[in-house]
N, C-alpha and C. Protein backbone atom coordinates (compact mmCIF):
# COMPACT_ATOMS: atom_id res chain seq x y z
N UNK A 1 19.75 26.75 -2.64
CA UNK A 1 19.29 25.75 -3.51
C UNK A 1 17.88 25.88 -3.85
N UNK A 2 17.51 25.59 -5.12
CA UNK A 2 16.15 25.84 -5.54
C UNK A 2 15.38 24.69 -4.95
N UNK A 3 13.98 24.92 -4.88
CA UNK A 3 13.07 23.93 -4.49
C UNK A 3 11.99 24.15 -5.50
N UNK A 4 11.89 23.21 -6.47
CA UNK A 4 10.90 23.41 -7.68
C UNK A 4 9.65 22.57 -7.41
N UNK A 5 9.40 21.97 -6.21
CA UNK A 5 8.24 21.18 -5.85
C UNK A 5 6.98 21.86 -6.25
N UNK A 6 6.11 21.30 -6.97
CA UNK A 6 4.83 21.82 -7.39
C UNK A 6 4.90 22.55 -8.83
N UNK A 7 6.09 22.71 -9.26
CA UNK A 7 6.19 23.26 -10.65
C UNK A 7 6.26 22.12 -11.66
N UNK A 8 6.05 22.44 -12.93
CA UNK A 8 6.10 21.46 -14.00
C UNK A 8 7.37 21.57 -14.61
N UNK A 9 8.21 20.44 -14.54
CA UNK A 9 9.55 20.39 -15.19
C UNK A 9 9.47 19.69 -16.48
N UNK A 10 10.26 20.21 -17.43
CA UNK A 10 10.31 19.63 -18.78
C UNK A 10 11.84 19.07 -18.86
N UNK A 11 11.89 17.67 -18.83
CA UNK A 11 13.14 17.03 -18.76
C UNK A 11 13.42 16.15 -19.91
N UNK A 12 14.78 16.05 -20.24
CA UNK A 12 15.27 15.02 -21.23
C UNK A 12 16.00 14.02 -20.27
N UNK A 13 15.94 12.86 -20.65
CA UNK A 13 16.70 11.77 -19.81
C UNK A 13 17.10 10.56 -20.56
N UNK A 14 18.01 9.81 -19.98
CA UNK A 14 18.22 8.49 -20.51
C UNK A 14 18.88 7.65 -19.24
N UNK A 15 18.43 6.55 -19.13
CA UNK A 15 18.95 5.59 -17.96
C UNK A 15 18.47 4.33 -17.99
N UNK A 16 18.59 3.77 -16.67
CA UNK A 16 18.16 2.32 -16.52
C UNK A 16 18.97 1.76 -15.33
N UNK A 17 19.20 0.31 -15.51
CA UNK A 17 20.12 -0.28 -14.46
C UNK A 17 21.48 0.13 -14.57
N UNK A 18 22.05 0.63 -13.46
CA UNK A 18 23.48 0.98 -13.39
C UNK A 18 24.41 -0.16 -14.06
N UNK A 19 25.38 0.41 -14.94
CA UNK A 19 26.20 -0.56 -15.47
C UNK A 19 25.82 -1.20 -16.79
N UNK A 20 24.49 -0.92 -17.08
CA UNK A 20 23.96 -1.51 -18.33
C UNK A 20 23.60 -0.41 -19.31
N UNK A 21 23.37 -0.73 -20.52
CA UNK A 21 23.05 0.32 -21.54
C UNK A 21 21.61 0.87 -21.16
N UNK A 22 21.58 2.19 -21.34
CA UNK A 22 20.27 2.82 -20.95
C UNK A 22 19.16 2.31 -21.78
N UNK A 23 17.91 2.03 -21.23
CA UNK A 23 16.90 1.44 -22.00
C UNK A 23 15.60 2.52 -21.88
N UNK A 24 15.66 3.35 -20.99
CA UNK A 24 14.60 4.36 -20.69
C UNK A 24 15.15 5.62 -21.25
N UNK A 25 14.66 6.01 -22.42
CA UNK A 25 15.34 7.18 -23.09
C UNK A 25 14.25 8.04 -23.56
N UNK A 26 14.40 9.35 -23.19
CA UNK A 26 13.49 10.51 -23.71
C UNK A 26 14.50 11.68 -24.09
N UNK A 27 14.87 11.73 -25.43
CA UNK A 27 15.89 12.72 -25.81
C UNK A 27 15.29 13.66 -26.89
N UNK A 28 14.22 13.34 -27.56
CA UNK A 28 13.75 14.18 -28.64
C UNK A 28 12.91 15.22 -28.16
N UNK A 29 11.97 14.92 -27.41
CA UNK A 29 10.87 15.89 -26.85
C UNK A 29 10.84 15.75 -25.32
N UNK A 30 11.01 16.93 -24.68
CA UNK A 30 11.07 16.81 -23.27
C UNK A 30 9.79 16.25 -22.60
N UNK A 31 9.90 15.55 -21.56
CA UNK A 31 8.76 15.07 -20.72
C UNK A 31 8.35 16.10 -19.77
N UNK A 32 6.98 16.38 -19.76
CA UNK A 32 6.49 17.38 -18.67
C UNK A 32 6.05 16.60 -17.56
N UNK A 33 6.61 16.95 -16.38
CA UNK A 33 6.18 16.18 -15.21
C UNK A 33 6.14 17.22 -14.03
N UNK A 34 4.97 17.03 -13.23
CA UNK A 34 4.59 17.87 -12.17
C UNK A 34 5.57 17.37 -10.96
N UNK A 35 6.50 18.21 -10.47
CA UNK A 35 7.31 17.84 -9.40
C UNK A 35 6.58 17.62 -8.09
N UNK A 36 6.85 16.55 -7.42
CA UNK A 36 6.03 16.24 -6.20
C UNK A 36 4.86 15.37 -6.50
N UNK A 37 4.64 14.94 -7.73
CA UNK A 37 3.59 14.10 -8.16
C UNK A 37 3.92 12.70 -8.18
N UNK A 38 5.25 12.39 -7.74
CA UNK A 38 5.71 10.95 -7.68
C UNK A 38 5.51 10.28 -9.07
N UNK A 39 5.81 10.92 -10.14
CA UNK A 39 5.71 10.20 -11.59
C UNK A 39 7.09 9.63 -11.86
N UNK A 40 8.20 10.22 -11.13
CA UNK A 40 9.56 9.77 -11.45
C UNK A 40 10.00 8.95 -10.26
N UNK A 41 11.03 8.03 -10.51
CA UNK A 41 11.64 7.51 -9.29
C UNK A 41 12.14 8.60 -8.34
N UNK A 42 11.88 8.32 -7.00
CA UNK A 42 12.22 9.29 -5.96
C UNK A 42 13.59 9.89 -6.18
N UNK A 43 14.67 9.16 -6.36
CA UNK A 43 15.95 9.66 -6.48
C UNK A 43 16.06 10.67 -7.61
N UNK A 44 15.48 10.42 -8.79
CA UNK A 44 15.48 11.31 -9.90
C UNK A 44 14.68 12.59 -9.60
N UNK A 45 13.56 12.41 -9.01
CA UNK A 45 12.73 13.61 -8.69
C UNK A 45 13.46 14.51 -7.70
N UNK A 46 14.10 13.90 -6.66
CA UNK A 46 14.82 14.62 -5.74
C UNK A 46 15.90 15.50 -6.40
N UNK A 47 16.60 15.00 -7.35
CA UNK A 47 17.61 15.76 -8.13
C UNK A 47 17.01 16.90 -8.92
N UNK A 48 15.90 16.48 -9.70
CA UNK A 48 15.31 17.60 -10.49
C UNK A 48 14.74 18.68 -9.68
N UNK A 49 14.12 18.42 -8.53
CA UNK A 49 13.59 19.49 -7.69
C UNK A 49 14.60 20.55 -7.36
N UNK A 50 15.94 20.12 -7.28
CA UNK A 50 17.03 21.07 -6.86
C UNK A 50 17.80 21.67 -8.10
N UNK A 51 17.26 21.41 -9.34
CA UNK A 51 18.18 21.78 -10.50
C UNK A 51 17.60 23.10 -10.95
N UNK A 52 18.50 23.77 -11.74
CA UNK A 52 18.22 25.00 -12.49
C UNK A 52 18.03 24.74 -13.89
N UNK A 53 17.22 25.50 -14.65
CA UNK A 53 16.95 25.31 -16.05
C UNK A 53 18.32 25.33 -16.86
N UNK A 54 18.46 24.36 -17.66
CA UNK A 54 19.71 24.19 -18.27
C UNK A 54 20.62 23.18 -17.81
N UNK A 55 20.49 22.90 -16.50
CA UNK A 55 21.37 22.10 -15.82
C UNK A 55 21.19 20.69 -16.20
N UNK A 56 22.24 19.80 -16.18
CA UNK A 56 22.14 18.43 -16.45
C UNK A 56 23.00 17.70 -15.29
N UNK A 57 22.56 16.52 -14.98
CA UNK A 57 23.16 15.75 -13.93
C UNK A 57 23.10 14.22 -14.32
N UNK A 58 23.95 13.54 -13.68
CA UNK A 58 23.99 12.08 -13.65
C UNK A 58 23.60 11.71 -12.28
N UNK A 59 22.45 10.93 -12.06
CA UNK A 59 21.96 10.61 -10.75
C UNK A 59 22.02 9.02 -10.59
N UNK A 60 22.70 8.71 -9.44
CA UNK A 60 22.71 7.28 -9.05
C UNK A 60 21.44 7.19 -8.11
N UNK A 61 20.59 6.15 -8.35
CA UNK A 61 19.43 5.91 -7.55
C UNK A 61 19.41 4.56 -6.98
N UNK A 62 19.58 4.51 -5.64
CA UNK A 62 19.55 3.21 -4.94
C UNK A 62 18.19 2.59 -4.94
N UNK A 63 18.02 1.33 -4.82
CA UNK A 63 16.70 0.65 -4.84
C UNK A 63 15.59 1.41 -3.87
N UNK A 64 15.99 1.94 -2.79
CA UNK A 64 15.00 2.55 -1.90
C UNK A 64 14.64 3.88 -2.34
N UNK A 65 15.25 4.52 -3.29
CA UNK A 65 14.89 5.72 -3.93
C UNK A 65 14.34 5.44 -5.47
N UNK A 66 14.34 4.19 -5.82
CA UNK A 66 13.87 3.79 -7.21
C UNK A 66 12.58 3.02 -7.03
N UNK A 67 12.69 1.71 -7.31
CA UNK A 67 11.53 0.88 -7.37
C UNK A 67 11.45 -0.05 -6.22
N UNK A 68 12.22 0.27 -5.14
CA UNK A 68 12.12 -0.60 -3.86
C UNK A 68 12.98 -1.86 -4.04
N UNK A 69 12.87 -2.65 -2.92
CA UNK A 69 13.52 -3.90 -2.84
C UNK A 69 12.70 -4.94 -3.62
N UNK A 70 13.31 -5.96 -3.94
CA UNK A 70 12.55 -7.03 -4.66
C UNK A 70 11.85 -7.84 -3.63
N UNK A 71 10.60 -8.01 -3.76
CA UNK A 71 9.67 -8.74 -2.70
C UNK A 71 9.57 -10.11 -3.09
N UNK A 72 10.08 -11.03 -2.41
CA UNK A 72 10.01 -12.49 -2.65
C UNK A 72 8.59 -12.95 -2.70
N UNK A 73 7.67 -12.36 -2.00
CA UNK A 73 6.24 -12.78 -2.10
C UNK A 73 5.63 -12.47 -3.36
N UNK A 74 6.28 -11.74 -4.21
CA UNK A 74 5.67 -11.49 -5.68
C UNK A 74 6.19 -12.40 -6.67
N UNK A 75 6.94 -13.43 -6.18
CA UNK A 75 7.45 -14.45 -7.09
C UNK A 75 6.80 -15.80 -6.77
N UNK A 76 5.84 -16.30 -7.69
CA UNK A 76 5.07 -17.51 -7.39
C UNK A 76 4.94 -18.35 -8.66
N UNK A 77 4.66 -19.62 -8.33
CA UNK A 77 4.54 -20.73 -9.27
C UNK A 77 3.05 -20.80 -9.85
N UNK A 78 2.76 -20.91 -11.08
CA UNK A 78 1.32 -21.03 -11.66
C UNK A 78 1.37 -22.11 -12.56
N UNK A 79 0.21 -22.85 -12.65
CA UNK A 79 0.08 -23.94 -13.62
C UNK A 79 -0.06 -23.33 -15.00
N UNK A 80 0.61 -23.83 -16.01
CA UNK A 80 0.57 -23.35 -17.28
C UNK A 80 -0.82 -23.27 -17.80
N UNK A 81 -1.74 -24.29 -17.30
CA UNK A 81 -3.05 -24.43 -17.85
C UNK A 81 -3.96 -23.19 -17.61
N UNK A 82 -3.59 -22.34 -16.50
CA UNK A 82 -4.47 -21.25 -16.11
C UNK A 82 -4.09 -20.04 -16.83
N UNK A 83 -2.91 -19.96 -17.61
CA UNK A 83 -2.39 -18.79 -18.21
C UNK A 83 -2.78 -18.82 -19.81
N UNK A 84 -3.03 -17.67 -20.29
CA UNK A 84 -3.27 -17.52 -21.74
C UNK A 84 -1.90 -17.95 -22.43
N UNK A 85 -1.94 -18.68 -23.31
CA UNK A 85 -0.74 -19.27 -24.15
C UNK A 85 0.29 -19.80 -23.06
N UNK A 86 -0.18 -20.44 -21.93
CA UNK A 86 0.72 -20.92 -20.83
C UNK A 86 1.65 -21.90 -21.35
N UNK A 87 1.39 -22.79 -22.31
CA UNK A 87 2.27 -23.76 -22.72
C UNK A 87 3.31 -23.31 -23.88
N UNK A 88 3.13 -21.96 -24.25
CA UNK A 88 4.15 -21.41 -25.05
C UNK A 88 5.00 -20.54 -24.40
N UNK A 89 4.82 -20.24 -23.10
CA UNK A 89 5.71 -19.21 -22.31
C UNK A 89 7.03 -19.96 -22.02
N UNK A 90 8.05 -19.23 -22.19
CA UNK A 90 9.38 -19.70 -21.89
C UNK A 90 10.08 -18.93 -20.74
N UNK A 91 11.02 -19.58 -20.07
CA UNK A 91 11.85 -18.84 -19.13
C UNK A 91 12.52 -17.51 -19.73
N UNK A 92 12.40 -16.40 -19.15
CA UNK A 92 13.00 -15.19 -19.56
C UNK A 92 11.95 -14.38 -20.37
N UNK A 93 10.78 -14.87 -20.64
CA UNK A 93 9.69 -14.09 -21.28
C UNK A 93 9.04 -13.04 -20.43
N UNK A 94 8.83 -11.83 -20.93
CA UNK A 94 8.06 -10.80 -20.31
C UNK A 94 6.60 -11.04 -20.71
N UNK A 95 5.76 -11.14 -19.74
CA UNK A 95 4.27 -11.23 -20.05
C UNK A 95 3.47 -10.03 -19.37
N UNK A 96 2.37 -9.86 -19.87
CA UNK A 96 1.54 -8.92 -19.26
C UNK A 96 0.52 -9.70 -18.40
N UNK A 97 0.58 -9.33 -17.06
CA UNK A 97 -0.20 -9.99 -16.03
C UNK A 97 -1.44 -9.07 -15.76
N UNK A 98 -2.61 -9.84 -15.91
CA UNK A 98 -3.86 -9.13 -15.76
C UNK A 98 -4.40 -9.42 -14.35
N UNK A 99 -4.96 -8.32 -13.71
CA UNK A 99 -5.44 -8.69 -12.49
C UNK A 99 -6.88 -9.43 -12.63
N UNK A 100 -7.27 -9.97 -11.50
CA UNK A 100 -8.46 -11.07 -11.59
C UNK A 100 -9.74 -10.20 -12.04
N UNK A 101 -9.84 -9.11 -11.76
CA UNK A 101 -10.99 -8.29 -12.23
C UNK A 101 -10.84 -7.75 -13.70
N UNK A 102 -9.66 -7.92 -14.22
CA UNK A 102 -9.40 -7.54 -15.69
C UNK A 102 -9.20 -6.08 -15.83
N UNK A 103 -9.00 -5.21 -14.85
CA UNK A 103 -8.99 -3.84 -14.83
C UNK A 103 -7.52 -3.35 -14.96
N UNK A 104 -6.60 -4.15 -14.51
CA UNK A 104 -5.14 -3.62 -14.47
C UNK A 104 -4.29 -4.69 -15.07
N UNK A 105 -3.30 -4.15 -15.77
CA UNK A 105 -2.13 -5.06 -16.38
C UNK A 105 -0.88 -4.54 -16.06
N UNK A 106 0.06 -5.47 -15.73
CA UNK A 106 1.39 -5.03 -15.47
C UNK A 106 2.33 -6.07 -16.04
N UNK A 107 3.61 -5.59 -16.33
CA UNK A 107 4.54 -6.54 -16.87
C UNK A 107 5.08 -7.48 -15.76
N UNK A 108 5.36 -8.68 -16.13
CA UNK A 108 5.85 -9.67 -15.17
C UNK A 108 6.90 -10.51 -16.00
N UNK A 109 7.86 -11.08 -15.27
CA UNK A 109 8.96 -11.85 -15.95
C UNK A 109 8.76 -13.28 -15.52
N UNK A 110 8.93 -14.16 -16.56
CA UNK A 110 8.97 -15.71 -16.25
C UNK A 110 10.33 -16.01 -15.88
N UNK A 111 10.60 -16.38 -14.67
CA UNK A 111 11.95 -16.57 -14.18
C UNK A 111 12.37 -18.12 -14.10
N UNK A 112 11.34 -19.01 -14.17
CA UNK A 112 11.75 -20.38 -14.10
C UNK A 112 10.59 -21.11 -14.75
N UNK A 113 10.71 -22.38 -15.06
CA UNK A 113 9.61 -23.06 -15.68
C UNK A 113 9.93 -24.58 -15.67
N UNK A 114 8.77 -25.37 -15.58
CA UNK A 114 8.76 -26.76 -15.73
C UNK A 114 7.86 -27.11 -16.85
N UNK A 115 7.71 -28.41 -17.06
CA UNK A 115 6.84 -28.75 -18.20
C UNK A 115 5.38 -28.22 -17.98
N UNK A 116 4.88 -28.27 -16.69
CA UNK A 116 3.51 -27.88 -16.38
C UNK A 116 3.25 -26.58 -15.61
N UNK A 117 4.44 -25.91 -15.15
CA UNK A 117 4.34 -24.74 -14.43
C UNK A 117 5.34 -23.70 -14.84
N UNK A 118 5.00 -22.47 -14.56
CA UNK A 118 5.93 -21.28 -14.73
C UNK A 118 6.06 -20.62 -13.34
N UNK A 119 7.15 -20.04 -13.19
CA UNK A 119 7.48 -19.09 -12.02
C UNK A 119 7.50 -17.67 -12.52
N UNK A 120 6.58 -16.93 -11.94
CA UNK A 120 6.40 -15.54 -12.54
C UNK A 120 6.75 -14.56 -11.42
N UNK A 121 7.67 -13.57 -11.71
CA UNK A 121 8.06 -12.50 -10.91
C UNK A 121 7.26 -11.20 -11.18
N UNK A 122 6.54 -10.89 -10.25
CA UNK A 122 5.68 -9.55 -10.53
C UNK A 122 6.25 -8.38 -10.07
N UNK A 123 7.52 -8.45 -9.46
CA UNK A 123 8.23 -7.15 -9.06
C UNK A 123 8.47 -6.38 -10.32
N UNK A 124 8.64 -5.11 -10.09
CA UNK A 124 9.06 -4.12 -11.16
C UNK A 124 10.41 -4.59 -11.63
N UNK A 125 10.60 -4.62 -13.04
CA UNK A 125 11.85 -5.14 -13.42
C UNK A 125 13.15 -4.36 -12.84
N UNK A 126 12.91 -3.16 -12.34
CA UNK A 126 13.98 -2.44 -11.72
C UNK A 126 14.10 -2.64 -10.19
N UNK A 127 13.15 -3.39 -9.65
CA UNK A 127 13.13 -3.58 -8.11
C UNK A 127 14.39 -4.22 -7.79
N UNK A 128 14.97 -3.65 -6.68
CA UNK A 128 16.19 -4.25 -6.03
C UNK A 128 17.43 -3.86 -6.83
N UNK A 129 17.26 -3.05 -7.74
CA UNK A 129 18.49 -2.67 -8.61
C UNK A 129 18.85 -1.28 -8.43
N UNK A 130 20.18 -0.93 -8.46
CA UNK A 130 20.64 0.56 -8.47
C UNK A 130 20.49 1.03 -9.88
N UNK A 131 19.93 2.22 -10.13
CA UNK A 131 19.63 2.78 -11.34
C UNK A 131 20.68 3.95 -11.53
N UNK A 132 20.91 4.32 -12.79
CA UNK A 132 21.51 5.56 -13.09
C UNK A 132 20.95 6.28 -14.20
N UNK A 133 20.62 7.56 -14.07
CA UNK A 133 19.94 8.41 -14.95
C UNK A 133 20.69 9.65 -15.30
N UNK A 134 20.85 9.95 -16.58
CA UNK A 134 21.31 11.36 -16.93
C UNK A 134 20.04 12.19 -17.24
N UNK A 135 19.97 13.29 -16.51
CA UNK A 135 18.82 14.22 -16.63
C UNK A 135 19.23 15.61 -16.97
N UNK A 136 18.41 16.26 -17.97
CA UNK A 136 18.66 17.75 -18.14
C UNK A 136 17.37 18.37 -17.95
N UNK A 137 17.32 19.42 -17.22
CA UNK A 137 16.10 20.21 -16.94
C UNK A 137 16.05 21.28 -18.04
N UNK A 138 15.15 21.12 -18.98
CA UNK A 138 15.07 21.95 -20.23
C UNK A 138 14.19 23.20 -19.88
N UNK A 139 13.23 23.13 -19.20
CA UNK A 139 12.39 24.23 -18.70
C UNK A 139 11.54 23.92 -17.45
N UNK A 140 11.11 25.02 -16.92
CA UNK A 140 10.36 24.86 -15.60
C UNK A 140 9.21 25.93 -15.59
N UNK A 141 8.02 25.52 -15.32
CA UNK A 141 6.85 26.55 -15.38
C UNK A 141 5.99 26.24 -14.15
């Protein structure tokens, strides 16, 4: 079996949460990714490392080889008054959460709300979920 660790793989892919329509799609132009660089979910990277150019696979990625388990400590209540546009935010909204120093932003989901507070889940949207990706290795350098 091949071990392409350290090489640059050029891949096409589509996937997301298993059983749902793919939302993460790259079909027109291959993505260049250094294998071993941890830019792909671990389960996808493990498959690509073993693939030959031209090969395609469907890969099931359990949470521990994807985005990990959902961490309940990352789900917290916040007063609407401390959030930008806090009184406009609705349950189910995706917002960009900014770090206290303003240097980092990441998506977060509003999972519950009251008149004066919102509950925000800062876990990755795929945390705790089994993923499924179709991947094609187009080239390897």
